[in-house]
Amino acid sequence: MKQADKVVDTSGLICPLPLLKAKEQLKQMQRGQVLEVICTDPSSIIDFKVFTEVSANKLLASHQQQDKYFFLIEKL
């Protein structure tokens, strides 16, 4: 699995802020780079799944660890 080139921790933020912060970081990244997003908002599971389905990005992995959600997104 690819390692993250950047990490953005949006813990404590609620929808839509985690997604907006992730989009902001992805704009600054090059194709093929990977962003790790850390969230505490449960709705982020759906947000990031839908976002990667409709954008030029790929959801490489997602998992939950206690009250945090982790997403690895590759910029395509």
C-alpha atoms as a PDB file:
ATOM      1  CA  MET A   1       0.000   0.000   0.000  1.00  0.00           C
ATOM      2  CA  LYS A   2       1.174   3.507  -0.783  1.00  0.00           C
ATOM      3  CA  GLN A   3       2.382   5.771   2.009  1.00  0.00           C
ATOM      4  CA  ALA A   4       0.872   9.221   2.495  1.00  0.00           C
ATOM      5  CA  ASP A   5       2.751  12.184   1.066  1.00  0.00           C
ATOM      6  CA  LYS A   6       0.675  14.565   3.202  1.00  0.00           C
ATOM      7  CA  VAL A   7      -1.538  14.181   6.247  1.00  0.00           C
ATOM      8  CA  VAL A   8      -4.408  16.454   7.203  1.00  0.00           C
ATOM      9  CA  ASP A   9      -5.981  16.003  10.625  1.00  0.00           C
ATOM     10  CA  THR A  10      -9.533  17.314  10.699  1.00  0.00           C
ATOM     11  CA  SER A  11     -10.388  15.852  14.107  1.00  0.00           C
ATOM     12  CA  GLY A  12     -13.137  17.824  15.812  1.00  0.00           C
ATOM     13  CA  LEU A  13     -14.467  19.304  12.562  1.00  0.00           C
ATOM     14  CA  ILE A  14     -17.901  18.381  11.248  1.00  0.00           C
ATOM     15  CA  CYS A  15     -19.254  18.030   7.728  1.00  0.00           C
ATOM     16  CA  PRO A  16     -18.451  19.593   5.314  1.00  0.00           C
ATOM     17  CA  LEU A  17     -15.172  20.916   6.766  1.00  0.00           C
ATOM     18  CA  PRO A  18     -13.142  17.654   6.643  1.00  0.00           C
ATOM     19  CA  LEU A  19     -13.941  17.272   2.954  1.00  0.00           C
ATOM     20  CA  LEU A  20     -13.193  20.927   2.206  1.00  0.00           C
ATOM     21  CA  LYS A  21      -9.819  20.687   3.994  1.00  0.00           C
ATOM     22  CA  ALA A  22      -8.988  17.540   2.030  1.00  0.00           C
ATOM     23  CA  LYS A  23      -9.934  19.171  -1.293  1.00  0.00           C
ATOM     24  CA  GLU A  24      -7.736  22.156  -0.434  1.00  0.00           C
ATOM     25  CA  GLN A  25      -4.737  19.879   0.168  1.00  0.00           C
ATOM     26  CA  LEU A  26      -5.381  17.774  -2.946  1.00  0.00           C
ATOM     27  CA  LYS A  27      -5.345  20.897  -5.134  1.00  0.00           C
ATOM     28  CA  GLN A  28      -1.753  21.526  -4.033  1.00  0.00           C
ATOM     29  CA  MET A  29      -0.608  17.959  -4.688  1.00  0.00           C
ATOM     30  CA  GLN A  30       0.780  16.302  -7.811  1.00  0.00           C
ATOM     31  CA  ARG A  31      -0.804  13.360  -9.648  1.00  0.00           C
ATOM     32  CA  GLY A  32       0.058  10.091  -7.948  1.00  0.00           C
ATOM     33  CA  GLN A  33       0.593  11.626  -4.521  1.00  0.00           C
ATOM     34  CA  VAL A  34      -1.394  10.297  -1.573  1.00  0.00           C
ATOM     35  CA  LEU A  35      -3.224  12.271   1.080  1.00  0.00           C
ATOM     36  CA  GLU A  36      -4.154  10.784   4.439  1.00  0.00           C
ATOM     37  CA  VAL A  37      -7.170  12.392   6.085  1.00  0.00           C
ATOM     38  CA  ILE A  38      -7.974  11.854   9.758  1.00  0.00           C
ATOM     39  CA  CYS A  39     -11.549  12.615  10.859  1.00  0.00           C
ATOM     40  CA  THR A  40     -13.809  12.214  13.863  1.00  0.00           C
ATOM     41  CA  ASP A  41     -17.082  12.945  12.047  1.00  0.00           C
ATOM     42  CA  PRO A  42     -18.895   9.646  11.265  1.00  0.00           C
ATOM     43  CA  SER A  43     -20.529  11.192   8.181  1.00  0.00           C
ATOM     44  CA  SER A  44     -17.063  11.479   6.625  1.00  0.00           C
ATOM     45  CA  ILE A  45     -17.311   7.797   5.630  1.00  0.00           C
ATOM     46  CA  ILE A  46     -20.028   8.596   3.115  1.00  0.00           C
ATOM     47  CA  ASP A  47     -18.575  11.996   2.184  1.00  0.00           C
ATOM     48  CA  PHE A  48     -15.182  10.637   1.128  1.00  0.00           C
ATOM     49  CA  LYS A  49     -16.650   7.605  -0.661  1.00  0.00           C
ATOM     50  CA  VAL A  50     -18.932   9.812  -2.768  1.00  0.00           C
ATOM     51  CA  PHE A  51     -16.243  12.466  -3.292  1.00  0.00           C
ATOM     52  CA  THR A  52     -13.740   9.970  -4.693  1.00  0.00           C
ATOM     53  CA  GLU A  53     -16.388   8.393  -6.930  1.00  0.00           C
ATOM     54  CA  VAL A  54     -17.228  11.715  -8.598  1.00  0.00           C
ATOM     55  CA  SER A  55     -13.795  13.354  -8.641  1.00  0.00           C
ATOM     56  CA  ALA A  56     -10.438  12.635 -10.228  1.00  0.00           C
ATOM     57  CA  ASN A  57      -9.178  10.929  -7.078  1.00  0.00           C
ATOM     58  CA  LYS A  58      -9.035   7.350  -5.817  1.00  0.00           C
ATOM     59  CA  LEU A  59      -9.919   6.125  -2.342  1.00  0.00           C
ATOM     60  CA  LEU A  60      -7.113   3.652  -1.661  1.00  0.00           C
ATOM     61  CA  ALA A  61      -8.149   2.668   1.848  1.00  0.00           C
ATOM     62  CA  SER A  62     -10.309   3.650   4.775  1.00  0.00           C
ATOM     63  CA  HIS A  63     -10.587   2.336   8.286  1.00  0.00           C
ATOM     64  CA  GLN A  64     -11.836   3.236  11.718  1.00  0.00           C
ATOM     65  CA  GLN A  65      -9.725   3.161  14.857  1.00  0.00           C
ATOM     66  CA  GLN A  66     -11.702   3.915  18.010  1.00  0.00           C
ATOM     67  CA  ASP A  67     -13.417   7.289  17.377  1.00  0.00           C
ATOM     68  CA  LYS A  68     -11.244   8.263  14.386  1.00  0.00           C
ATOM     69  CA  TYR A  69     -11.661   7.574  10.692  1.00  0.00           C
ATOM     70  CA  PHE A  70      -8.681   7.358   8.337  1.00  0.00           C
ATOM     71  CA  PHE A  71      -8.771   7.769   4.568  1.00  0.00           C
ATOM     72  CA  LEU A  72      -5.972   7.371   2.006  1.00  0.00           C
ATOM     73  CA  ILE A  73      -6.737   9.271  -1.192  1.00  0.00           C
ATOM     74  CA  GLU A  74      -4.580   9.222  -4.308  1.00  0.00           C
ATOM     75  CA  LYS A  75      -4.696  12.222  -6.603  1.00  0.00           C
ATOM     76  CA  LEU A  76      -5.184  11.026 -10.179  1.00  0.00           C
END
